[in-house]
Structures are given as structure tokens and as C-alpha cells.
């Protein structure tokens, strides 16, 4: 199981703590320190579409008009922290975020 996010993200911290408490051994991948590959970006965009981009973030609000108008693939290449977090690669495939539905899959 891999949890993709950033080390300062509170939601990622909550997810990691809950997953560990549930007996999982998640590996954490900080996408700032270890950026997503082009193949991973395409996989995430193909799986989640536009919702992979967190348009409620401060990063989004500070993004240029050009970046906001570009495709999600380009947005993640240029600014990886625009990714909605966490993305979890688990036995059931990929999940996005840490809502009740995602928690029900893993906890």
C-alpha cells in the first residue's frame, strides 16, 4: 500500500495514522520530494479525471490563469501539490481523498 501526498498535509497524516492503527503498513510517498512520473500522472488522471486537482487549495488560488486553464496532466506536472490528497494505491486499486467511502475500504 502506498499513500501519495505531502508531508505537511493534515489529511495525509490522518490517513496514515488510521491505516497503521488498522494494521496496514502503508509506505508514504511525498510527491514534493519524489515527484510523480509521467506514467503515474496519466494513471491518476485517467482514474479520477478532473477531481484529481484540488481547486479549493491555496496553491490553486495562487496559480496562473494559464495553469488553471491547462489540462490536469499539465497542472500536475507543473505543480504537483495541486493533487487532491491522499491518493492511496491499495489492494482494491486507487482511491482519492480520505472520506467515509475510502475509509470504509481500508478500515
PDB file of N, CA and C in Angstrom:
ATOM      1  N   UNK A   1       0.853  -1.177   0.000  1.00  0.00           N
ATOM      2  CA  UNK A   1       0.000   0.000   0.000  1.00  0.00           C
ATOM      3  C   UNK A   1       0.895   1.236   0.000  1.00  0.00           C
ATOM      4  N   UNK A   2       0.576   2.160  -0.884  1.00  0.00           N
ATOM      5  CA  UNK A   2       1.329   3.416  -0.972  1.00  0.00           C
ATOM      6  C   UNK A   2       0.351   4.572  -0.809  1.00  0.00           C
ATOM      7  N   UNK A   3       0.718   5.503   0.041  1.00  0.00           N
ATOM      8  CA  UNK A   3      -0.056   6.724   0.227  1.00  0.00           C
ATOM      9  C   UNK A   3       0.744   7.851  -0.412  1.00  0.00           C
ATOM     10  N   UNK A   4       0.147   8.489  -1.429  1.00  0.00           N
ATOM     11  CA  UNK A   4       0.796   9.614  -2.122  1.00  0.00           C
ATOM     12  C   UNK A   4       0.241  10.909  -1.542  1.00  0.00           C
ATOM     13  N   UNK A   5       1.119  11.815  -1.180  1.00  0.00           N
ATOM     14  CA  UNK A   5       0.682  13.097  -0.643  1.00  0.00           C
ATOM     15  C   UNK A   5       1.872  13.985  -0.374  1.00  0.00           C
ATOM     16  N   UNK A   6       1.687  14.923   0.560  1.00  0.00           N
ATOM     17  CA  UNK A   6       2.795  15.762   1.000  1.00  0.00           C
ATOM     18  C   UNK A   6       2.877  15.680   2.522  1.00  0.00           C
ATOM     19  N   UNK A   7       4.077  15.801   3.031  1.00  0.00           N
ATOM     20  CA  UNK A   7       4.318  15.564   4.456  1.00  0.00           C
ATOM     21  C   UNK A   7       3.612  16.558   5.371  1.00  0.00           C
ATOM     22  N   UNK A   8       3.270  17.727   4.867  1.00  0.00           N
ATOM     23  CA  UNK A   8       2.602  18.732   5.694  1.00  0.00           C
ATOM     24  C   UNK A   8       1.079  18.665   5.630  1.00  0.00           C
ATOM     25  N   UNK A   9       0.540  17.722   4.866  1.00  0.00           N
ATOM     26  CA  UNK A   9      -0.909  17.619   4.678  1.00  0.00           C
ATOM     27  C   UNK A   9      -1.554  16.912   5.870  1.00  0.00           C
ATOM     28  N   UNK A  10      -2.453  17.608   6.554  1.00  0.00           N
ATOM     29  CA  UNK A  10      -3.131  17.026   7.716  1.00  0.00           C
ATOM     30  C   UNK A  10      -3.965  15.808   7.338  1.00  0.00           C
ATOM     31  N   UNK A  11      -4.615  15.847   6.190  1.00  0.00           N
ATOM     32  CA  UNK A  11      -5.429  14.711   5.761  1.00  0.00           C
ATOM     33  C   UNK A  11      -4.552  13.483   5.524  1.00  0.00           C
ATOM     34  N   UNK A  12      -3.390  13.675   4.940  1.00  0.00           N
ATOM     35  CA  UNK A  12      -2.466  12.565   4.721  1.00  0.00           C
ATOM     36  C   UNK A  12      -2.005  11.983   6.063  1.00  0.00           C
ATOM     37  N   UNK A  13      -1.708  12.856   7.013  1.00  0.00           N
ATOM     38  CA  UNK A  13      -1.288  12.399   8.341  1.00  0.00           C
ATOM     39  C   UNK A  13      -2.385  11.578   9.007  1.00  0.00           C
ATOM     40  N   UNK A  14      -3.637  12.059   8.917  1.00  0.00           N
ATOM     41  CA  UNK A  14      -4.763  11.317   9.497  1.00  0.00           C
ATOM     42  C   UNK A  14      -4.923   9.962   8.837  1.00  0.00           C
ATOM     43  N   UNK A  15      -4.822   9.930   7.519  1.00  0.00           N
ATOM     44  CA  UNK A  15      -4.977   8.674   6.787  1.00  0.00           C
ATOM     45  C   UNK A  15      -3.888   7.678   7.175  1.00  0.00           C
ATOM     46  N   UNK A  16      -2.644   8.135   7.228  1.00  0.00           N
ATOM     47  CA  UNK A  16      -1.540   7.248   7.595  1.00  0.00           C
ATOM     48  C   UNK A  16      -1.731   6.686   8.997  1.00  0.00           C
ATOM     49  N   UNK A  17      -2.102   7.542   9.926  1.00  0.00           N
ATOM     50  CA  UNK A  17      -2.301   7.113  11.315  1.00  0.00           C
ATOM     51  C   UNK A  17      -3.420   6.075  11.404  1.00  0.00           C
ATOM     52  N   UNK A  18      -4.533   6.328  10.720  1.00  0.00           N
ATOM     53  CA  UNK A  18      -5.664   5.402  10.757  1.00  0.00           C
ATOM     54  C   UNK A  18      -5.324   4.082  10.076  1.00  0.00           C
ATOM     55  N   UNK A  19      -4.618   4.142   8.952  1.00  0.00           N
ATOM     56  CA  UNK A  19      -4.231   2.921   8.248  1.00  0.00           C
ATOM     57  C   UNK A  19      -3.302   2.064   9.113  1.00  0.00           C
ATOM     58  N   UNK A  20      -2.346   2.706   9.766  1.00  0.00           N
ATOM     59  CA  UNK A  20      -1.430   1.981  10.643  1.00  0.00           C
ATOM     60  C   UNK A  20      -2.186   1.370  11.818  1.00  0.00           C
ATOM     61  N   UNK A  21      -3.120   2.119  12.398  1.00  0.00           N
ATOM     62  CA  UNK A  21      -3.915   1.617  13.521  1.00  0.00           C
ATOM     63  C   UNK A  21      -4.779   0.429  13.108  1.00  0.00           C
ATOM     64  N   UNK A  22      -5.152   0.375  11.825  1.00  0.00           N
ATOM     65  CA  UNK A  22      -5.980  -0.719  11.314  1.00  0.00           C
ATOM     66  C   UNK A  22      -5.133  -1.930  10.902  1.00  0.00           C
ATOM     67  N   UNK A  23      -3.835  -1.854  11.143  1.00  0.00           N
ATOM     68  CA  UNK A  23      -2.975  -2.998  10.850  1.00  0.00           C
ATOM     69  C   UNK A  23      -2.305  -2.989   9.494  1.00  0.00           C
ATOM     70  N   UNK A  24      -2.472  -1.927   8.740  1.00  0.00           N
ATOM     71  CA  UNK A  24      -1.795  -1.806   7.446  1.00  0.00           C
ATOM     72  C   UNK A  24      -0.380  -1.261   7.664  1.00  0.00           C
ATOM     73  N   UNK A  25       0.462  -1.476   6.699  1.00  0.00           N
ATOM     74  CA  UNK A  25       1.824  -0.940   6.745  1.00  0.00           C
ATOM     75  C   UNK A  25       2.036  -0.062   5.513  1.00  0.00           C
ATOM     76  N   UNK A  26       1.398   1.122   5.500  1.00  0.00           N
ATOM     77  CA  UNK A  26       1.494   1.960   4.297  1.00  0.00           C
ATOM     78  C   UNK A  26       2.874   2.595   4.145  1.00  0.00           C
ATOM     79  N   UNK A  27       3.318   2.648   2.905  1.00  0.00           N
ATOM     80  CA  UNK A  27       4.514   3.418   2.573  1.00  0.00           C
ATOM     81  C   UNK A  27       4.020   4.804   2.188  1.00  0.00           C
ATOM     82  N   UNK A  28       4.720   5.848   2.630  1.00  0.00           N
ATOM     83  CA  UNK A  28       4.317   7.212   2.291  1.00  0.00           C
ATOM     84  C   UNK A  28       5.263   7.755   1.233  1.00  0.00           C
ATOM     85  N   UNK A  29       4.686   8.358   0.213  1.00  0.00           N
ATOM     86  CA  UNK A  29       5.487   8.981  -0.847  1.00  0.00           C
ATOM     87  C   UNK A  29       5.153  10.454  -0.902  1.00  0.00           C
ATOM     88  N   UNK A  30       6.113  11.260  -0.503  1.00  0.00           N
ATOM     89  CA  UNK A  30       5.968  12.713  -0.552  1.00  0.00           C
ATOM     90  C   UNK A  30       6.210  13.153  -1.992  1.00  0.00           C
ATOM     91  N   UNK A  31       5.158  13.639  -2.637  1.00  0.00           N
ATOM     92  CA  UNK A  31       5.261  13.968  -4.058  1.00  0.00           C
ATOM     93  C   UNK A  31       6.057  15.246  -4.315  1.00  0.00           C
ATOM     94  N   UNK A  32       6.392  15.971  -3.250  1.00  0.00           N
ATOM     95  CA  UNK A  32       7.307  17.109  -3.425  1.00  0.00           C
ATOM     96  C   UNK A  32       8.738  16.595  -3.521  1.00  0.00           C
ATOM     97  N   UNK A  33       9.092  15.693  -2.612  1.00  0.00           N
ATOM     98  CA  UNK A  33      10.456  15.166  -2.565  1.00  0.00           C
ATOM     99  C   UNK A  33      10.705  14.147  -3.664  1.00  0.00           C
ATOM    100  N   UNK A  34       9.672  13.382  -4.017  1.00  0.00           N
ATOM    101  CA  UNK A  34       9.775  12.334  -5.026  1.00  0.00           C
ATOM    102  C   UNK A  34       8.609  12.509  -6.006  1.00  0.00           C
ATOM    103  N   UNK A  35       8.748  13.420  -6.973  1.00  0.00           N
ATOM    104  CA  UNK A  35       7.634  13.762  -7.868  1.00  0.00           C
ATOM    105  C   UNK A  35       7.069  12.554  -8.621  1.00  0.00           C
ATOM    106  N   UNK A  36       5.814  12.683  -8.985  1.00  0.00           N
ATOM    107  CA  UNK A  36       5.147  11.662  -9.770  1.00  0.00           C
ATOM    108  C   UNK A  36       5.786  11.564 -11.146  1.00  0.00           C
ATOM    109  N   UNK A  37       5.846  10.360 -11.670  1.00  0.00           N
ATOM    110  CA  UNK A  37       6.335  10.167 -13.033  1.00  0.00           C
ATOM    111  C   UNK A  37       5.208  10.529 -13.999  1.00  0.00           C
ATOM    112  N   UNK A  38       5.551  10.686 -15.266  1.00  0.00           N
ATOM    113  CA  UNK A  38       4.506  10.965 -16.265  1.00  0.00           C
ATOM    114  C   UNK A  38       3.484   9.835 -16.309  1.00  0.00           C
ATOM    115  N   UNK A  39       3.962   8.594 -16.187  1.00  0.00           N
ATOM    116  CA  UNK A  39       3.051   7.444 -16.209  1.00  0.00           C
ATOM    117  C   UNK A  39       2.093   7.482 -15.021  1.00  0.00           C
ATOM    118  N   UNK A  40       2.591   7.868 -13.849  1.00  0.00           N
ATOM    119  CA  UNK A  40       1.724   7.957 -12.663  1.00  0.00           C
ATOM    120  C   UNK A  40       0.707   9.085 -12.826  1.00  0.00           C
ATOM    121  N   UNK A  41       1.147  10.213 -13.356  1.00  0.00           N
ATOM    122  CA  UNK A  41       0.227  11.326 -13.582  1.00  0.00           C
ATOM    123  C   UNK A  41      -0.897  10.893 -14.517  1.00  0.00           C
ATOM    124  N   UNK A  42      -0.539  10.246 -15.616  1.00  0.00           N
ATOM    125  CA  UNK A  42      -1.555   9.778 -16.573  1.00  0.00           C
ATOM    126  C   UNK A  42      -2.491   8.761 -15.923  1.00  0.00           C
ATOM    127  N   UNK A  43      -1.936   7.862 -15.135  1.00  0.00           N
ATOM    128  CA  UNK A  43      -2.758   6.861 -14.443  1.00  0.00           C
ATOM    129  C   UNK A  43      -3.763   7.534 -13.509  1.00  0.00           C
ATOM    130  N   UNK A  44      -3.310   8.504 -12.724  1.00  0.00           N
ATOM    131  CA  UNK A  44      -4.183   9.189 -11.771  1.00  0.00           C
ATOM    132  C   UNK A  44      -5.262   9.989 -12.492  1.00  0.00           C
ATOM    133  N   UNK A  45      -4.875  10.697 -13.551  1.00  0.00           N
ATOM    134  CA  UNK A  45      -5.850  11.492 -14.301  1.00  0.00           C
ATOM    135  C   UNK A  45      -6.863  10.579 -14.990  1.00  0.00           C
ATOM    136  N   UNK A  46      -6.390   9.468 -15.550  1.00  0.00           N
ATOM    137  CA  UNK A  46      -7.311   8.521 -16.188  1.00  0.00           C
ATOM    138  C   UNK A  46      -8.271   7.907 -15.178  1.00  0.00           C
ATOM    139  N   UNK A  47      -7.801   7.678 -13.968  1.00  0.00           N
ATOM    140  CA  UNK A  47      -8.636   7.064 -12.936  1.00  0.00           C
ATOM    141  C   UNK A  47      -9.646   8.051 -12.355  1.00  0.00           C
ATOM    142  N   UNK A  48      -9.220   9.283 -12.083  1.00  0.00           N
ATOM    143  CA  UNK A  48     -10.058  10.228 -11.349  1.00  0.00           C
ATOM    144  C   UNK A  48     -10.558  11.414 -12.165  1.00  0.00           C
ATOM    145  N   UNK A  49      -9.943  11.677 -13.320  1.00  0.00           N
ATOM    146  CA  UNK A  49     -10.348  12.815 -14.120  1.00  0.00           C
ATOM    147  C   UNK A  49     -10.034  14.138 -13.434  1.00  0.00           C
ATOM    148  N   UNK A  50     -10.858  15.139 -13.688  1.00  0.00           N
ATOM    149  CA  UNK A  50     -10.666  16.477 -13.130  1.00  0.00           C
ATOM    150  C   UNK A  50     -10.601  16.540 -11.615  1.00  0.00           C
ATOM    151  N   UNK A  51     -11.338  15.695 -10.878  1.00  0.00           N
ATOM    152  CA  UNK A  51     -11.281  15.763  -9.412  1.00  0.00           C
ATOM    153  C   UNK A  51      -9.902  15.481  -8.807  1.00  0.00           C
ATOM    154  N   UNK A  52      -8.943  15.005  -9.602  1.00  0.00           N
ATOM    155  CA  UNK A  52      -7.588  14.823  -9.081  1.00  0.00           C
ATOM    156  C   UNK A  52      -6.971  16.170  -8.702  1.00  0.00           C
ATOM    157  N   UNK A  53      -7.497  17.257  -9.264  1.00  0.00           N
ATOM    158  CA  UNK A  53      -6.996  18.604  -8.967  1.00  0.00           C
ATOM    159  C   UNK A  53      -7.827  19.210  -7.839  1.00  0.00           C
ATOM    160  N   UNK A  54      -7.142  19.652  -6.804  1.00  0.00           N
ATOM    161  CA  UNK A  54      -7.806  20.264  -5.654  1.00  0.00           C
ATOM    162  C   UNK A  54      -7.988  21.762  -5.923  1.00  0.00           C
ATOM    163  N   UNK A  55      -9.174  22.123  -6.372  1.00  0.00           N
ATOM    164  CA  UNK A  55      -9.444  23.523  -6.705  1.00  0.00           C
ATOM    165  C   UNK A  55      -9.825  24.352  -5.478  1.00  0.00           C
ATOM    166  N   UNK A  56      -9.791  23.761  -4.299  1.00  0.00           N
ATOM    167  CA  UNK A  56     -10.046  24.508  -3.070  1.00  0.00           C
ATOM    168  C   UNK A  56      -8.762  24.875  -2.337  1.00  0.00           C
ATOM    169  N   UNK A  57      -7.621  24.514  -2.898  1.00  0.00           N
ATOM    170  CA  UNK A  57      -6.351  24.720  -2.207  1.00  0.00           C
ATOM    171  C   UNK A  57      -5.814  26.137  -2.403  1.00  0.00           C
ATOM    172  N   UNK A  58      -4.929  26.531  -1.499  1.00  0.00           N
ATOM    173  CA  UNK A  58      -4.265  27.825  -1.650  1.00  0.00           C
ATOM    174  C   UNK A  58      -3.350  27.806  -2.874  1.00  0.00           C
ATOM    175  N   UNK A  59      -2.816  26.646  -3.204  1.00  0.00           N
ATOM    176  CA  UNK A  59      -1.972  26.529  -4.400  1.00  0.00           C
ATOM    177  C   UNK A  59      -2.785  26.855  -5.641  1.00  0.00           C
ATOM    178  N   UNK A  60      -4.023  26.342  -5.706  1.00  0.00           N
ATOM    179  CA  UNK A  60      -4.900  26.611  -6.849  1.00  0.00           C
ATOM    180  C   UNK A  60      -5.221  28.101  -6.933  1.00  0.00           C
ATOM    181  N   UNK A  61      -5.546  28.701  -5.811  1.00  0.00           N
ATOM    182  CA  UNK A  61      -5.901  30.130  -5.811  1.00  0.00           C
ATOM    183  C   UNK A  61      -4.736  30.994  -6.282  1.00  0.00           C
ATOM    184  N   UNK A  62      -3.501  30.544  -6.022  1.00  0.00           N
ATOM    185  CA  UNK A  62      -2.332  31.303  -6.433  1.00  0.00           C
ATOM    186  C   UNK A  62      -1.809  30.947  -7.813  1.00  0.00           C
ATOM    187  N   UNK A  63      -2.436  29.975  -8.459  1.00  0.00           N
ATOM    188  CA  UNK A  63      -1.971  29.517  -9.771  1.00  0.00           C
ATOM    189  C   UNK A  63      -2.279  30.547 -10.854  1.00  0.00           C
ATOM    190  N   UNK A  64      -1.463  30.535 -11.888  1.00  0.00           N
ATOM    191  CA  UNK A  64      -1.665  31.453 -13.007  1.00  0.00           C
ATOM    192  C   UNK A  64      -2.915  31.054 -13.795  1.00  0.00           C
ATOM    193  N   UNK A  65      -3.447  32.007 -14.548  1.00  0.00           N
ATOM    194  CA  UNK A  65      -4.599  31.717 -15.399  1.00  0.00           C
ATOM    195  C   UNK A  65      -4.253  30.630 -16.414  1.00  0.00           C
ATOM    196  N   UNK A  66      -3.020  30.672 -16.924  1.00  0.00           N
ATOM    197  CA  UNK A  66      -2.592  29.653 -17.870  1.00  0.00           C
ATOM    198  C   UNK A  66      -2.668  28.263 -17.248  1.00  0.00           C
ATOM    199  N   UNK A  67      -2.153  28.138 -16.023  1.00  0.00           N
ATOM    200  CA  UNK A  67      -2.152  26.839 -15.369  1.00  0.00           C
ATOM    201  C   UNK A  67      -3.576  26.366 -15.080  1.00  0.00           C
ATOM    202  N   UNK A  68      -4.422  27.276 -14.632  1.00  0.00           N
ATOM    203  CA  UNK A  68      -5.810  26.912 -14.339  1.00  0.00           C
ATOM    204  C   UNK A  68      -6.552  26.451 -15.592  1.00  0.00           C
ATOM    205  N   UNK A  69      -6.178  27.003 -16.748  1.00  0.00           N
ATOM    206  CA  UNK A  69      -6.846  26.655 -17.999  1.00  0.00           C
ATOM    207  C   UNK A  69      -6.266  25.398 -18.652  1.00  0.00           C
ATOM    208  N   UNK A  70      -5.129  24.930 -18.165  1.00  0.00           N
ATOM    209  CA  UNK A  70      -4.487  23.768 -18.790  1.00  0.00           C
ATOM    210  C   UNK A  70      -5.132  22.461 -18.321  1.00  0.00           C
ATOM    211  N   UNK A  71      -4.753  21.378 -18.976  1.00  0.00           N
ATOM    212  CA  UNK A  71      -5.278  20.056 -18.666  1.00  0.00           C
ATOM    213  C   UNK A  71      -4.729  19.566 -17.322  1.00  0.00           C
ATOM    214  N   UNK A  72      -5.453  18.680 -16.640  1.00  0.00           N
ATOM    215  CA  UNK A  72      -4.978  18.174 -15.348  1.00  0.00           C
ATOM    216  C   UNK A  72      -3.576  17.565 -15.394  1.00  0.00           C
ATOM    217  N   UNK A  73      -3.243  16.892 -16.492  1.00  0.00           N
ATOM    218  CA  UNK A  73      -1.904  16.310 -16.610  1.00  0.00           C
ATOM    219  C   UNK A  73      -0.831  17.387 -16.514  1.00  0.00           C
ATOM    220  N   UNK A  74      -1.042  18.472 -17.235  1.00  0.00           N
ATOM    221  CA  UNK A  74      -0.075  19.577 -17.228  1.00  0.00           C
ATOM    222  C   UNK A  74      -0.053  20.258 -15.868  1.00  0.00           C
ATOM    223  N   UNK A  75      -1.220  20.410 -15.248  1.00  0.00           N
ATOM    224  CA  UNK A  75      -1.281  21.027 -13.927  1.00  0.00           C
ATOM    225  C   UNK A  75      -0.447  20.239 -12.922  1.00  0.00           C
ATOM    226  N   UNK A  76      -0.553  18.914 -12.942  1.00  0.00           N
ATOM    227  CA  UNK A  76       0.214  18.087 -12.009  1.00  0.00           C
ATOM    228  C   UNK A  76       1.699  18.080 -12.336  1.00  0.00           C
ATOM    229  N   UNK A  77       2.051  18.176 -13.618  1.00  0.00           N
ATOM    230  CA  UNK A  77       3.462  18.249 -13.993  1.00  0.00           C
ATOM    231  C   UNK A  77       4.082  19.543 -13.477  1.00  0.00           C
ATOM    232  N   UNK A  78       3.354  20.647 -13.661  1.00  0.00           N
ATOM    233  CA  UNK A  78       3.877  21.952 -13.282  1.00  0.00           C
ATOM    234  C   UNK A  78       3.819  22.208 -11.776  1.00  0.00           C
ATOM    235  N   UNK A  79       2.763  21.714 -11.136  1.00  0.00           N
ATOM    236  CA  UNK A  79       2.547  21.989  -9.713  1.00  0.00           C
ATOM    237  C   UNK A  79       1.960  20.741  -9.040  1.00  0.00           C
ATOM    238  N   UNK A  80       2.819  19.789  -8.640  1.00  0.00           N
ATOM    239  CA  UNK A  80       2.325  18.522  -8.087  1.00  0.00           C
ATOM    240  C   UNK A  80       1.433  18.688  -6.857  1.00  0.00           C
ATOM    241  N   UNK A  81       1.625  19.759  -6.109  1.00  0.00           N
ATOM    242  CA  UNK A  81       0.828  19.927  -4.887  1.00  0.00           C
ATOM    243  C   UNK A  81      -0.629  20.292  -5.177  1.00  0.00           C
ATOM    244  N   UNK A  82      -0.978  20.476  -6.445  1.00  0.00           N
ATOM    245  CA  UNK A  82      -2.390  20.667  -6.803  1.00  0.00           C
ATOM    246  C   UNK A  82      -3.191  19.370  -6.695  1.00  0.00           C
ATOM    247  N   UNK A  83      -2.490  18.253  -6.548  1.00  0.00           N
ATOM    248  CA  UNK A  83      -3.166  16.961  -6.461  1.00  0.00           C
ATOM    249  C   UNK A  83      -4.007  16.880  -5.191  1.00  0.00           C
ATOM    250  N   UNK A  84      -5.254  16.451  -5.351  1.00  0.00           N
ATOM    251  CA  UNK A  84      -6.090  16.184  -4.184  1.00  0.00           C
ATOM    252  C   UNK A  84      -5.448  15.027  -3.440  1.00  0.00           C
ATOM    253  N   UNK A  85      -5.446  15.121  -2.116  1.00  0.00           N
ATOM    254  CA  UNK A  85      -4.711  14.132  -1.333  1.00  0.00           C
ATOM    255  C   UNK A  85      -5.595  13.506  -0.266  1.00  0.00           C
ATOM    256  N   UNK A  86      -5.189  12.305   0.144  1.00  0.00           N
ATOM    257  CA  UNK A  86      -4.166  11.453  -0.444  1.00  0.00           C
ATOM    258  C   UNK A  86      -4.713  10.604  -1.581  1.00  0.00           C
ATOM    259  N   UNK A  87      -3.808  10.156  -2.420  1.00  0.00           N
ATOM    260  CA  UNK A  87      -4.125   9.086  -3.365  1.00  0.00           C
ATOM    261  C   UNK A  87      -3.528   7.834  -2.731  1.00  0.00           C
ATOM    262  N   UNK A  88      -4.341   6.802  -2.607  1.00  0.00           N
ATOM    263  CA  UNK A  88      -3.876   5.567  -1.977  1.00  0.00           C
ATOM    264  C   UNK A  88      -3.930   4.445  -3.007  1.00  0.00           C
ATOM    265  N   UNK A  89      -2.795   3.776  -3.159  1.00  0.00           N
ATOM    266  CA  UNK A  89      -2.718   2.593  -4.012  1.00  0.00           C
ATOM    267  C   UNK A  89      -2.778   1.396  -3.068  1.00  0.00           C
ATOM    268  N   UNK A  90      -3.915   0.739  -3.074  1.00  0.00           N
ATOM    269  CA  UNK A  90      -4.104  -0.396  -2.188  1.00  0.00           C
ATOM    270  C   UNK A  90      -4.534  -1.624  -2.955  1.00  0.00           C
ATOM    271  N   UNK A  91      -4.899  -2.680  -2.222  1.00  0.00           N
ATOM    272  CA  UNK A  91      -5.306  -3.924  -2.871  1.00  0.00           C
ATOM    273  C   UNK A  91      -6.524  -3.761  -3.790  1.00  0.00           C
ATOM    274  N   UNK A  92      -7.374  -2.770  -3.495  1.00  0.00           N
ATOM    275  CA  UNK A  92      -8.575  -2.541  -4.312  1.00  0.00           C
ATOM    276  C   UNK A  92      -8.319  -1.587  -5.469  1.00  0.00           C
ATOM    277  N   UNK A  93      -7.089  -1.170  -5.668  1.00  0.00           N
ATOM    278  CA  UNK A  93      -6.784  -0.210  -6.720  1.00  0.00           C
ATOM    279  C   UNK A  93      -6.477   1.157  -6.134  1.00  0.00           C
ATOM    280  N   UNK A  94      -6.828   2.204  -6.852  1.00  0.00           N
ATOM    281  CA  UNK A  94      -6.557   3.576  -6.423  1.00  0.00           C
ATOM    282  C   UNK A  94      -7.792   4.205  -5.788  1.00  0.00           C
ATOM    283  N   UNK A  95      -7.554   4.978  -4.734  1.00  0.00           N
ATOM    284  CA  UNK A  95      -8.623   5.779  -4.143  1.00  0.00           C
ATOM    285  C   UNK A  95      -8.120   7.203  -3.994  1.00  0.00           C
ATOM    286  N   UNK A  96      -9.059   8.129  -3.930  1.00  0.00           N
ATOM    287  CA  UNK A  96      -8.730   9.554  -3.859  1.00  0.00           C
ATOM    288  C   UNK A  96      -9.396  10.165  -2.641  1.00  0.00           C
ATOM    289  N   UNK A  97      -8.608  10.888  -1.842  1.00  0.00           N
ATOM    290  CA  UNK A  97      -9.142  11.562  -0.669  1.00  0.00           C
ATOM    291  C   UNK A  97      -9.217  10.631   0.532  1.00  0.00           C
ATOM    292  N   UNK A  98      -9.849  11.124   1.595  1.00  0.00           N
ATOM    293  CA  UNK A  98      -9.969  10.355   2.828  1.00  0.00           C
ATOM    294  C   UNK A  98     -11.367  10.563   3.414  1.00  0.00           C
ATOM    295  N   UNK A  99     -12.369  10.330   2.577  1.00  0.00           N
ATOM    296  CA  UNK A  99     -13.746  10.469   3.037  1.00  0.00           C
ATOM    297  C   UNK A  99     -14.239   9.138   3.602  1.00  0.00           C
ATOM    298  N   UNK A 100     -15.499   9.093   4.000  1.00  0.00           N
ATOM    299  CA  UNK A 100     -16.048   7.888   4.630  1.00  0.00           C
ATOM    300  C   UNK A 100     -15.990   6.676   3.710  1.00  0.00           C
ATOM    301  N   UNK A 101     -16.223   6.869   2.423  1.00  0.00           N
ATOM    302  CA  UNK A 101     -16.201   5.751   1.479  1.00  0.00           C
ATOM    303  C   UNK A 101     -14.806   5.144   1.379  1.00  0.00           C
ATOM    304  N   UNK A 102     -13.800   5.996   1.330  1.00  0.00           N
ATOM    305  CA  UNK A 102     -12.405   5.495   1.260  1.00  0.00           C
ATOM    306  C   UNK A 102     -12.044   4.812   2.570  1.00  0.00           C
ATOM    307  N   UNK A 103     -12.409   5.428   3.684  1.00  0.00           N
ATOM    308  CA  UNK A 103     -12.111   4.830   4.989  1.00  0.00           C
ATOM    309  C   UNK A 103     -12.763   3.464   5.118  1.00  0.00           C
ATOM    310  N   UNK A 104     -13.969   3.316   4.619  1.00  0.00           N
ATOM    311  CA  UNK A 104     -14.679   2.032   4.710  1.00  0.00           C
ATOM    312  C   UNK A 104     -13.938   0.935   3.947  1.00  0.00           C
ATOM    313  N   UNK A 105     -13.221   1.284   2.890  1.00  0.00           N
ATOM    314  CA  UNK A 105     -12.471   0.286   2.132  1.00  0.00           C
ATOM    315  C   UNK A 105     -11.278  -0.252   2.906  1.00  0.00           C
ATOM    316  N   UNK A 106     -10.665   0.599   3.722  1.00  0.00           N
ATOM    317  CA  UNK A 106      -9.406   0.243   4.350  1.00  0.00           C
ATOM    318  C   UNK A 106      -9.467  -0.025   5.848  1.00  0.00           C
ATOM    319  N   UNK A 107     -10.485   0.487   6.521  1.00  0.00           N
ATOM    320  CA  UNK A 107     -10.504   0.359   7.987  1.00  0.00           C
ATOM    321  C   UNK A 107     -11.449  -0.694   8.480  1.00  0.00           C
TER     322      UNK A 107
END
